[in-house]
Amino acid sequence: MKLTSFYSEDELSSIRVSSVDETVNEVKGLFFHEQLAEEQILLEIYSSSKDVISDVDELRLDFDRIYSRKQIGKKCLFGRYKFVDSSEYQKDYSVKTILAIKNEQRYLNATFKNFQILLPRKSFFNKSEEPMLFASLKNNNFYLLNDFRSETEEVEESFLKKTSRWIKKRISFGTSSK
């Protein structure tokens, strides 16, 4: 963790340097509180919390990251994905995801509840990567928490698309050179 990305300057300015040991203990205490917040987020993600809705001011949220159940259902079309409770995903989430949730909660001064994931179905060609993580909002809406995940999904092409493009290139090259 970089100290420059620690934006709680108010807490750092309250540290009084009287001895080296006291200063080290104060800094350890600050990092302990940060780690405790991250572990609370992980506990909330891995626990099943049905019927609890995040009480967040939706006007402060990024509009591009709010999805309705119908929009998410389009992704689940033809069984490519399934929309389930986050407690069903038993693998680890990246540190980037946990820090993004923590920063978002601090920015909004709210706590997200009832996490859902858009889990890709098991397939031979799928890579094992973490699913898209959503927090439940009012009016059957969901807020995408790891938005960087969707950016990488759009950039990466599926194995079949790459293979078909390669085959088309080879066929066109073979027919055009004769």
N, C-alpha and C. Protein backbone atom coordinates (compact mmCIF):
# COMPACT_ATOMS: atom_id res chain seq x y z
N MET A 1 0.85 -1.17 0.00
CA MET A 1 0.00 0.00 0.00
C MET A 1 0.89 1.23 0.00
N LYS A 2 0.64 2.15 -0.88
CA LYS A 2 1.42 3.38 -0.96
C LYS A 2 0.87 4.38 0.05
N LEU A 3 1.74 5.06 0.73
CA LEU A 3 1.31 6.06 1.69
C LEU A 3 0.75 7.28 0.98
N THR A 4 1.17 7.51 -0.27
CA THR A 4 0.66 8.66 -1.01
C THR A 4 -0.81 8.48 -1.39
N SER A 5 -1.29 7.24 -1.51
CA SER A 5 -2.69 7.03 -1.86
C SER A 5 -3.58 7.03 -0.63
N PHE A 6 -3.01 7.17 0.55
CA PHE A 6 -3.77 7.23 1.79
C PHE A 6 -4.24 8.66 1.95
N TYR A 7 -5.51 8.92 1.70
CA TYR A 7 -6.01 10.27 1.61
C TYR A 7 -6.63 10.79 2.89
N SER A 8 -6.42 10.12 3.98
CA SER A 8 -6.98 10.55 5.25
C SER A 8 -5.96 11.43 5.96
N GLU A 9 -5.73 12.61 5.43
CA GLU A 9 -4.71 13.51 5.96
C GLU A 9 -5.08 14.05 7.33
N ASP A 10 -6.38 14.13 7.63
CA ASP A 10 -6.80 14.61 8.95
C ASP A 10 -6.28 13.69 10.04
N GLU A 11 -6.36 12.39 9.79
CA GLU A 11 -5.90 11.43 10.78
C GLU A 11 -4.39 11.46 10.90
N LEU A 12 -3.69 11.66 9.79
CA LEU A 12 -2.23 11.71 9.85
C LEU A 12 -1.75 12.97 10.56
N SER A 13 -2.46 14.08 10.41
CA SER A 13 -2.02 15.31 11.04
C SER A 13 -2.21 15.28 12.55
N SER A 14 -3.03 14.37 13.06
CA SER A 14 -3.25 14.29 14.51
C SER A 14 -2.15 13.52 15.22
N ILE A 15 -1.24 12.95 14.48
CA ILE A 15 -0.14 12.20 15.10
C ILE A 15 0.88 13.20 15.64
N ARG A 16 1.17 13.08 16.90
CA ARG A 16 2.17 13.93 17.55
C ARG A 16 3.44 13.11 17.75
N VAL A 17 4.53 13.66 17.33
CA VAL A 17 5.79 12.94 17.41
C VAL A 17 6.43 13.24 18.77
N SER A 18 6.27 12.31 19.68
CA SER A 18 6.93 12.45 20.98
C SER A 18 8.04 11.43 21.11
N SER A 19 7.79 10.25 20.57
CA SER A 19 8.85 9.25 20.52
C SER A 19 8.62 8.39 19.29
N VAL A 20 9.63 7.69 18.89
CA VAL A 20 9.55 6.86 17.69
C VAL A 20 8.54 5.74 17.88
N ASP A 21 8.53 5.12 19.04
CA ASP A 21 7.62 4.00 19.30
C ASP A 21 6.16 4.44 19.26
N GLU A 22 5.87 5.60 19.84
CA GLU A 22 4.49 6.09 19.82
C GLU A 22 4.05 6.43 18.41
N THR A 23 4.94 6.99 17.62
CA THR A 23 4.62 7.32 16.24
C THR A 23 4.34 6.07 15.43
N VAL A 24 5.18 5.06 15.60
CA VAL A 24 4.99 3.80 14.89
C VAL A 24 3.66 3.17 15.29
N ASN A 25 3.34 3.19 16.57
CA ASN A 25 2.07 2.63 17.04
C ASN A 25 0.87 3.38 16.49
N GLU A 26 0.96 4.70 16.39
CA GLU A 26 -0.13 5.49 15.82
C GLU A 26 -0.35 5.15 14.34
N VAL A 27 0.73 5.03 13.58
CA VAL A 27 0.63 4.69 12.16
C VAL A 27 0.08 3.27 12.00
N LYS A 28 0.53 2.35 12.84
CA LYS A 28 0.00 0.98 12.80
C LYS A 28 -1.50 0.98 13.08
N GLY A 29 -1.93 1.81 14.03
CA GLY A 29 -3.36 1.91 14.35
C GLY A 29 -4.17 2.41 13.17
N LEU A 30 -3.63 3.39 12.44
CA LEU A 30 -4.33 3.90 11.25
C LEU A 30 -4.48 2.81 10.20
N PHE A 31 -3.40 2.07 9.95
CA PHE A 31 -3.47 1.00 8.96
C PHE A 31 -4.35 -0.14 9.42
N PHE A 32 -4.42 -0.38 10.74
CA PHE A 32 -5.31 -1.40 11.27
C PHE A 32 -6.76 -1.05 10.98
N HIS A 33 -7.13 0.23 11.13
CA HIS A 33 -8.50 0.65 10.85
C HIS A 33 -8.83 0.50 9.36
N GLU A 34 -7.85 0.77 8.52
CA GLU A 34 -8.05 0.60 7.08
C GLU A 34 -8.25 -0.88 6.73
N GLN A 35 -7.44 -1.73 7.32
CA GLN A 35 -7.56 -3.17 7.07
C GLN A 35 -8.87 -3.70 7.61
N LEU A 36 -9.32 -3.18 8.73
CA LEU A 36 -10.59 -3.60 9.31
C LEU A 36 -11.76 -3.24 8.39
N ALA A 37 -11.70 -2.07 7.76
CA ALA A 37 -12.75 -1.68 6.81
C ALA A 37 -12.77 -2.61 5.60
N GLU A 38 -11.60 -3.00 5.11
CA GLU A 38 -11.53 -3.91 3.97
C GLU A 38 -12.06 -5.29 4.32
N GLU A 39 -11.75 -5.77 5.53
CA GLU A 39 -12.25 -7.07 5.95
C GLU A 39 -13.76 -7.05 6.15
N GLN A 40 -14.30 -5.92 6.57
CA GLN A 40 -15.76 -5.77 6.71
C GLN A 40 -16.43 -5.87 5.34
N ILE A 41 -15.82 -5.30 4.34
CA ILE A 41 -16.36 -5.39 2.98
C ILE A 41 -16.34 -6.84 2.51
N LEU A 42 -15.24 -7.53 2.73
CA LEU A 42 -15.15 -8.95 2.33
C LEU A 42 -16.19 -9.79 3.06
N LEU A 43 -16.39 -9.52 4.33
CA LEU A 43 -17.40 -10.25 5.10
C LEU A 43 -18.79 -10.02 4.53
N GLU A 44 -19.07 -8.80 4.13
CA GLU A 44 -20.38 -8.48 3.55
C GLU A 44 -20.56 -9.16 2.19
N ILE A 45 -19.50 -9.23 1.41
CA ILE A 45 -19.58 -9.87 0.09
C ILE A 45 -19.83 -11.36 0.22
N TYR A 46 -19.10 -12.02 1.11
CA TYR A 46 -19.20 -13.47 1.23
C TYR A 46 -20.39 -13.95 2.05
N SER A 47 -21.09 -13.05 2.72
CA SER A 47 -22.27 -13.47 3.48
C SER A 47 -23.53 -13.24 2.65
N SER A 48 -24.47 -14.12 2.81
CA SER A 48 -25.73 -14.02 2.07
C SER A 48 -26.64 -13.02 2.78
N SER A 49 -27.05 -11.98 2.08
CA SER A 49 -27.88 -10.95 2.70
C SER A 49 -29.04 -10.60 1.77
N LYS A 50 -29.99 -11.46 1.73
CA LYS A 50 -31.16 -11.23 0.88
C LYS A 50 -32.06 -10.18 1.53
N ASP A 51 -32.85 -9.52 0.74
CA ASP A 51 -33.86 -8.54 1.17
C ASP A 51 -33.28 -7.32 1.86
N VAL A 52 -31.98 -7.08 1.80
CA VAL A 52 -31.38 -5.88 2.36
C VAL A 52 -30.94 -5.03 1.18
N ILE A 53 -31.33 -3.77 1.21
CA ILE A 53 -31.01 -2.88 0.10
C ILE A 53 -30.05 -1.80 0.58
N SER A 54 -29.08 -1.47 -0.23
CA SER A 54 -28.12 -0.42 0.10
C SER A 54 -28.85 0.92 0.14
N ASP A 55 -28.68 1.62 1.23
CA ASP A 55 -29.30 2.94 1.36
C ASP A 55 -28.30 3.98 0.87
N VAL A 56 -28.37 4.28 -0.41
CA VAL A 56 -27.43 5.17 -1.06
C VAL A 56 -28.22 6.24 -1.81
N ASP A 57 -27.72 7.45 -1.78
CA ASP A 57 -28.33 8.52 -2.57
C ASP A 57 -28.00 8.26 -4.04
N GLU A 58 -28.99 7.81 -4.79
CA GLU A 58 -28.75 7.40 -6.19
C GLU A 58 -28.37 8.57 -7.09
N LEU A 59 -28.65 9.78 -6.68
CA LEU A 59 -28.27 10.94 -7.49
C LEU A 59 -26.76 11.17 -7.47
N ARG A 60 -26.09 10.67 -6.46
CA ARG A 60 -24.64 10.84 -6.36
C ARG A 60 -23.88 9.73 -7.08
N LEU A 61 -24.57 8.67 -7.48
CA LEU A 61 -23.93 7.54 -8.14
C LEU A 61 -23.61 7.86 -9.59
N ASP A 62 -22.63 7.16 -10.13
CA ASP A 62 -22.28 7.27 -11.54
C ASP A 62 -23.40 6.61 -12.35
N PHE A 63 -24.08 7.38 -13.16
CA PHE A 63 -25.25 6.91 -13.89
C PHE A 63 -24.92 5.76 -14.84
N ASP A 64 -23.71 5.76 -15.39
CA ASP A 64 -23.32 4.72 -16.35
C ASP A 64 -23.10 3.36 -15.69
N ARG A 65 -23.05 3.33 -14.37
CA ARG A 65 -22.82 2.08 -13.66
C ARG A 65 -24.07 1.54 -12.98
N ILE A 66 -25.22 2.16 -13.23
CA ILE A 66 -26.49 1.69 -12.67
C ILE A 66 -27.20 0.86 -13.73
N TYR A 67 -27.59 -0.36 -13.37
CA TYR A 67 -28.24 -1.27 -14.29
C TYR A 67 -29.56 -1.74 -13.68
N SER A 68 -30.56 -1.90 -14.53
CA SER A 68 -31.81 -2.49 -14.06
C SER A 68 -31.72 -4.00 -14.18
N ARG A 69 -32.64 -4.69 -13.55
CA ARG A 69 -32.65 -6.15 -13.63
C ARG A 69 -32.86 -6.60 -15.08
N LYS A 70 -33.61 -5.83 -15.85
CA LYS A 70 -33.86 -6.18 -17.25
C LYS A 70 -32.56 -6.09 -18.07
N GLN A 71 -31.76 -5.06 -17.82
CA GLN A 71 -30.50 -4.92 -18.54
C GLN A 71 -29.54 -6.06 -18.19
N ILE A 72 -29.52 -6.43 -16.93
CA ILE A 72 -28.66 -7.54 -16.51
C ILE A 72 -29.20 -8.85 -17.08
N GLY A 73 -30.52 -8.97 -17.17
CA GLY A 73 -31.13 -10.17 -17.75
C GLY A 73 -30.74 -10.39 -19.20
N LYS A 74 -30.49 -9.31 -19.93
CA LYS A 74 -30.05 -9.44 -21.32
C LYS A 74 -28.68 -10.10 -21.40
N LYS A 75 -27.84 -9.85 -20.41
CA LYS A 75 -26.53 -10.50 -20.38
C LYS A 75 -26.67 -11.98 -20.08
N CYS A 76 -27.72 -12.35 -19.34
CA CYS A 76 -27.94 -13.75 -18.96
C CYS A 76 -28.61 -14.54 -20.08
N LEU A 77 -28.94 -13.87 -21.17
CA LEU A 77 -29.64 -14.51 -22.28
C LEU A 77 -28.81 -15.68 -22.82
N PHE A 78 -29.49 -16.75 -23.16
CA PHE A 78 -28.89 -17.97 -23.71
C PHE A 78 -27.92 -18.64 -22.74
N GLY A 79 -28.04 -18.35 -21.46
CA GLY A 79 -27.26 -19.04 -20.46
C GLY A 79 -25.78 -18.72 -20.42
N ARG A 80 -25.37 -17.59 -21.02
CA ARG A 80 -23.95 -17.23 -20.98
C ARG A 80 -23.51 -16.87 -19.56
N TYR A 81 -24.38 -16.19 -18.84
CA TYR A 81 -24.09 -15.75 -17.48
C TYR A 81 -25.26 -16.12 -16.59
N LYS A 82 -25.00 -16.11 -15.29
CA LYS A 82 -26.09 -16.26 -14.34
C LYS A 82 -25.91 -15.19 -13.27
N PHE A 83 -27.02 -14.61 -12.85
CA PHE A 83 -27.03 -13.53 -11.87
C PHE A 83 -27.40 -14.11 -10.52
N VAL A 84 -26.43 -14.21 -9.63
CA VAL A 84 -26.63 -14.90 -8.35
C VAL A 84 -26.08 -14.06 -7.20
N ASP A 85 -26.37 -14.52 -5.99
CA ASP A 85 -25.84 -13.89 -4.78
C ASP A 85 -24.32 -14.04 -4.75
N SER A 86 -23.64 -13.05 -4.24
CA SER A 86 -22.17 -13.08 -4.24
C SER A 86 -21.60 -14.15 -3.34
N SER A 87 -22.39 -14.67 -2.42
CA SER A 87 -21.88 -15.72 -1.53
C SER A 87 -21.63 -17.03 -2.28
N GLU A 88 -22.16 -17.17 -3.48
CA GLU A 88 -21.95 -18.39 -4.26
C GLU A 88 -20.58 -18.44 -4.92
N TYR A 89 -19.92 -17.31 -5.03
CA TYR A 89 -18.58 -17.24 -5.62
C TYR A 89 -17.56 -17.45 -4.50
N GLN A 90 -16.88 -18.56 -4.51
CA GLN A 90 -16.00 -18.92 -3.41
C GLN A 90 -14.51 -18.64 -3.67
N LYS A 91 -14.22 -17.93 -4.74
CA LYS A 91 -12.84 -17.59 -5.02
C LYS A 91 -12.54 -16.19 -4.47
N ASP A 92 -11.29 -15.80 -4.54
CA ASP A 92 -10.87 -14.50 -4.00
C ASP A 92 -11.18 -13.37 -4.98
N TYR A 93 -11.51 -12.22 -4.41
CA TYR A 93 -11.68 -11.01 -5.19
C TYR A 93 -10.34 -10.27 -5.19
N SER A 94 -10.10 -9.50 -6.23
CA SER A 94 -8.83 -8.78 -6.32
C SER A 94 -8.80 -7.63 -5.32
N VAL A 95 -7.60 -7.22 -4.98
CA VAL A 95 -7.41 -6.10 -4.06
C VAL A 95 -7.98 -4.83 -4.69
N LYS A 96 -7.85 -4.72 -6.00
CA LYS A 96 -8.37 -3.55 -6.71
C LYS A 96 -9.88 -3.42 -6.54
N THR A 97 -10.59 -4.55 -6.55
CA THR A 97 -12.04 -4.53 -6.35
C THR A 97 -12.40 -4.08 -4.94
N ILE A 98 -11.73 -4.62 -3.95
CA ILE A 98 -12.02 -4.28 -2.56
C ILE A 98 -11.72 -2.80 -2.30
N LEU A 99 -10.60 -2.31 -2.81
CA LEU A 99 -10.27 -0.90 -2.63
C LEU A 99 -11.24 0.02 -3.37
N ALA A 100 -11.72 -0.43 -4.53
CA ALA A 100 -12.71 0.37 -5.27
C ALA A 100 -14.01 0.48 -4.48
N ILE A 101 -14.43 -0.61 -3.85
CA ILE A 101 -15.65 -0.58 -3.03
C ILE A 101 -15.44 0.32 -1.83
N LYS A 102 -14.29 0.21 -1.17
CA LYS A 102 -14.02 1.03 0.01
C LYS A 102 -14.00 2.51 -0.35
N ASN A 103 -13.37 2.86 -1.46
CA ASN A 103 -13.32 4.26 -1.88
C ASN A 103 -14.70 4.78 -2.25
N GLU A 104 -15.49 3.94 -2.90
CA GLU A 104 -16.84 4.34 -3.30
C GLU A 104 -17.72 4.56 -2.06
N GLN A 105 -17.59 3.69 -1.08
CA GLN A 105 -18.37 3.85 0.16
C GLN A 105 -17.97 5.12 0.90
N ARG A 106 -16.69 5.42 0.92
CA ARG A 106 -16.25 6.66 1.58
C ARG A 106 -16.73 7.88 0.83
N TYR A 107 -16.65 7.84 -0.47
CA TYR A 107 -17.08 8.98 -1.29
C TYR A 107 -18.57 9.25 -1.10
N LEU A 108 -19.37 8.18 -1.07
CA LEU A 108 -20.82 8.32 -0.95
C LEU A 108 -21.30 8.39 0.49
N ASN A 109 -20.41 8.12 1.43
CA ASN A 109 -20.76 8.06 2.85
C ASN A 109 -21.92 7.09 3.07
N ALA A 110 -21.76 5.89 2.53
CA ALA A 110 -22.80 4.86 2.61
C ALA A 110 -22.13 3.50 2.69
N THR A 111 -22.94 2.50 3.01
CA THR A 111 -22.46 1.13 3.05
C THR A 111 -23.29 0.31 2.09
N PHE A 112 -22.60 -0.39 1.19
CA PHE A 112 -23.31 -1.23 0.23
C PHE A 112 -23.71 -2.54 0.89
N LYS A 113 -24.89 -3.02 0.52
CA LYS A 113 -25.42 -4.28 1.05
C LYS A 113 -25.93 -5.13 -0.11
N ASN A 114 -26.20 -6.39 0.18
CA ASN A 114 -26.80 -7.32 -0.77
C ASN A 114 -26.05 -7.34 -2.11
N PHE A 115 -24.89 -7.92 -2.08
CA PHE A 115 -24.06 -7.99 -3.28
C PHE A 115 -24.52 -9.13 -4.17
N GLN A 116 -24.56 -8.87 -5.46
CA GLN A 116 -24.91 -9.85 -6.49
C GLN A 116 -23.77 -9.89 -7.50
N ILE A 117 -23.62 -11.02 -8.16
CA ILE A 117 -22.57 -11.13 -9.18
C ILE A 117 -23.16 -11.65 -10.48
N LEU A 118 -22.53 -11.27 -11.56
CA LEU A 118 -22.84 -11.78 -12.88
C LEU A 118 -21.75 -12.79 -13.20
N LEU A 119 -22.05 -14.04 -12.93
CA LEU A 119 -21.07 -15.11 -12.99
C LEU A 119 -21.10 -15.78 -14.36
N PRO A 120 -19.96 -15.84 -15.06
CA PRO A 120 -19.96 -16.55 -16.34
C PRO A 120 -20.13 -18.05 -16.10
N ARG A 121 -20.89 -18.67 -16.98
CA ARG A 121 -21.09 -20.12 -16.87
C ARG A 121 -19.77 -20.82 -17.15
N LYS A 122 -19.66 -22.02 -16.67
CA LYS A 122 -18.45 -22.80 -16.90
C LYS A 122 -18.36 -23.13 -18.39
N SER A 123 -17.21 -22.87 -18.93
CA SER A 123 -16.99 -23.16 -20.34
C SER A 123 -15.51 -23.51 -20.53
N PHE A 124 -15.25 -24.21 -21.59
CA PHE A 124 -13.89 -24.61 -21.88
C PHE A 124 -13.01 -23.41 -22.22
N PHE A 125 -13.61 -22.40 -22.86
CA PHE A 125 -12.83 -21.27 -23.34
C PHE A 125 -12.75 -20.12 -22.34
N ASN A 126 -13.56 -20.12 -21.29
CA ASN A 126 -13.55 -19.02 -20.34
C ASN A 126 -12.32 -19.06 -19.46
N LYS A 127 -11.77 -17.88 -19.23
CA LYS A 127 -10.68 -17.76 -18.28
C LYS A 127 -11.30 -17.66 -16.89
N SER A 128 -10.57 -18.04 -15.90
CA SER A 128 -11.09 -17.91 -14.54
C SER A 128 -10.75 -16.51 -14.04
N GLU A 129 -11.67 -15.60 -14.18
CA GLU A 129 -11.50 -14.24 -13.71
C GLU A 129 -12.69 -13.88 -12.83
N GLU A 130 -12.50 -12.88 -12.02
CA GLU A 130 -13.57 -12.55 -11.08
C GLU A 130 -14.78 -11.97 -11.81
N PRO A 131 -15.96 -12.24 -11.29
CA PRO A 131 -17.18 -11.80 -11.95
C PRO A 131 -17.47 -10.32 -11.71
N MET A 132 -18.42 -9.81 -12.45
CA MET A 132 -18.86 -8.43 -12.25
C MET A 132 -19.68 -8.38 -10.96
N LEU A 133 -19.36 -7.44 -10.08
CA LEU A 133 -19.94 -7.35 -8.75
C LEU A 133 -20.89 -6.16 -8.68
N PHE A 134 -22.12 -6.41 -8.23
CA PHE A 134 -23.15 -5.39 -8.14
C PHE A 134 -23.64 -5.26 -6.70
N ALA A 135 -24.07 -4.05 -6.32
CA ALA A 135 -24.75 -3.84 -5.05
C ALA A 135 -26.20 -3.51 -5.35
N SER A 136 -27.09 -4.04 -4.54
CA SER A 136 -28.52 -3.85 -4.75
C SER A 136 -28.93 -2.44 -4.33
N LEU A 137 -29.74 -1.79 -5.18
CA LEU A 137 -30.27 -0.46 -4.90
C LEU A 137 -31.79 -0.52 -4.85
N LYS A 138 -32.41 0.63 -4.63
CA LYS A 138 -33.87 0.70 -4.63
C LYS A 138 -34.40 0.50 -6.05
N ASN A 139 -35.68 0.22 -6.16
CA ASN A 139 -36.39 0.08 -7.44
C ASN A 139 -35.82 -1.01 -8.33
N ASN A 140 -35.29 -2.05 -7.72
CA ASN A 140 -34.77 -3.20 -8.47
C ASN A 140 -33.62 -2.83 -9.40
N ASN A 141 -32.81 -1.87 -8.98
CA ASN A 141 -31.62 -1.46 -9.73
C ASN A 141 -30.38 -1.99 -9.03
N PHE A 142 -29.29 -2.05 -9.79
CA PHE A 142 -28.04 -2.55 -9.25
C PHE A 142 -26.91 -1.63 -9.69
N TYR A 143 -25.93 -1.48 -8.81
CA TYR A 143 -24.79 -0.59 -9.06
C TYR A 143 -23.53 -1.43 -9.26
N LEU A 144 -22.90 -1.28 -10.40
CA LEU A 144 -21.68 -2.02 -10.73
C LEU A 144 -20.52 -1.46 -9.93
N LEU A 145 -19.90 -2.30 -9.13
CA LEU A 145 -18.83 -1.84 -8.24
C LEU A 145 -17.45 -1.97 -8.85
N ASN A 146 -17.19 -3.04 -9.57
CA ASN A 146 -15.88 -3.18 -10.21
C ASN A 146 -16.03 -2.84 -11.69
N ASP A 147 -16.16 -1.54 -11.95
CA ASP A 147 -16.39 -1.07 -13.32
C ASP A 147 -15.18 -1.28 -14.21
N PHE A 148 -13.99 -1.36 -13.65
CA PHE A 148 -12.81 -1.64 -14.46
C PHE A 148 -12.89 -3.02 -15.07
N ARG A 149 -13.66 -3.91 -14.46
CA ARG A 149 -13.85 -5.28 -14.95
C ARG A 149 -14.58 -5.27 -16.29
N SER A 150 -15.57 -4.40 -16.46
CA SER A 150 -16.32 -4.35 -17.71
C SER A 150 -15.48 -3.78 -18.85
N GLU A 151 -14.53 -2.89 -18.51
CA GLU A 151 -13.66 -2.35 -19.54
C GLU A 151 -12.77 -3.44 -20.12
N THR A 152 -12.23 -4.29 -19.27
CA THR A 152 -11.36 -5.35 -19.78
C THR A 152 -12.16 -6.39 -20.54
N GLU A 153 -13.43 -6.59 -20.16
CA GLU A 153 -14.26 -7.57 -20.85
C GLU A 153 -14.54 -7.13 -22.28
N GLU A 154 -14.75 -5.82 -22.49
CA GLU A 154 -15.03 -5.34 -23.83
C GLU A 154 -13.79 -5.40 -24.72
N VAL A 155 -12.61 -5.19 -24.13
CA VAL A 155 -11.38 -5.18 -24.91
C VAL A 155 -11.01 -6.59 -25.34
N GLU A 156 -11.15 -7.53 -24.44
CA GLU A 156 -10.77 -8.91 -24.74
C GLU A 156 -11.80 -9.55 -25.68
N GLU A 157 -11.30 -10.27 -26.66
CA GLU A 157 -12.18 -10.99 -27.56
C GLU A 157 -12.23 -12.45 -27.13
N SER A 158 -13.30 -13.08 -27.46
CA SER A 158 -13.41 -14.49 -27.12
C SER A 158 -12.50 -15.32 -28.04
N PHE A 159 -12.24 -16.51 -27.60
CA PHE A 159 -11.37 -17.41 -28.35
C PHE A 159 -11.96 -17.71 -29.72
N LEU A 160 -13.28 -17.88 -29.77
CA LEU A 160 -13.93 -18.20 -31.05
C LEU A 160 -13.82 -17.04 -32.04
N LYS A 161 -13.97 -15.81 -31.56
CA LYS A 161 -13.85 -14.66 -32.45
C LYS A 161 -12.44 -14.54 -33.01
N LYS A 162 -11.44 -14.75 -32.15
CA LYS A 162 -10.06 -14.68 -32.61
C LYS A 162 -9.77 -15.77 -33.63
N THR A 163 -10.28 -16.98 -33.36
CA THR A 163 -10.05 -18.09 -34.27
C THR A 163 -10.74 -17.86 -35.61
N SER A 164 -11.97 -17.39 -35.59
CA SER A 164 -12.68 -17.16 -36.84
C SER A 164 -12.03 -16.04 -37.65
N ARG A 165 -11.54 -15.01 -36.99
CA ARG A 165 -10.85 -13.94 -37.70
C ARG A 165 -9.56 -14.45 -38.32
N TRP A 166 -8.83 -15.31 -37.59
CA TRP A 166 -7.60 -15.88 -38.12
C TRP A 166 -7.89 -16.75 -39.34
N ILE A 167 -8.95 -17.55 -39.28
CA ILE A 167 -9.32 -18.42 -40.41
C ILE A 167 -9.71 -17.57 -41.62
N LYS A 168 -10.50 -16.52 -41.41
CA LYS A 168 -10.89 -15.64 -42.51
C LYS A 168 -9.67 -14.99 -43.15
N LYS A 169 -8.71 -14.59 -42.32
CA LYS A 169 -7.49 -13.98 -42.84
C LYS A 169 -6.71 -14.97 -43.70
N ARG A 170 -6.60 -16.21 -43.22
CA ARG A 170 -5.87 -17.23 -43.95
C ARG A 170 -6.55 -17.58 -45.26
N ILE A 171 -7.88 -17.66 -45.24
CA ILE A 171 -8.62 -17.98 -46.46
C ILE A 171 -8.47 -16.85 -47.47
N SER A 172 -8.64 -15.61 -47.00
CA SER A 172 -8.53 -14.49 -47.94
C SER A 172 -7.10 -14.33 -48.45
N PHE A 173 -6.11 -14.60 -47.63
CA PHE A 173 -4.73 -14.52 -48.07
C PHE A 173 -4.43 -15.62 -49.08
N GLY A 174 -4.95 -16.82 -48.82
CA GLY A 174 -4.71 -17.95 -49.72
C GLY A 174 -5.39 -17.76 -51.07
N THR A 175 -6.56 -17.18 -51.09
CA THR A 175 -7.26 -16.97 -52.36
C THR A 175 -6.78 -15.75 -53.10
N SER A 176 -6.29 -14.75 -52.38
CA SER A 176 -5.86 -13.51 -53.06
C SER A 176 -4.46 -13.63 -53.63
N SER A 177 -3.64 -14.53 -53.16
CA SER A 177 -2.28 -14.66 -53.67
C SER A 177 -2.17 -15.51 -54.92
N LYS A 178 -3.26 -16.22 -55.29
CA LYS A 178 -3.20 -17.09 -56.47
C LYS A 178 -3.44 -16.38 -57.73
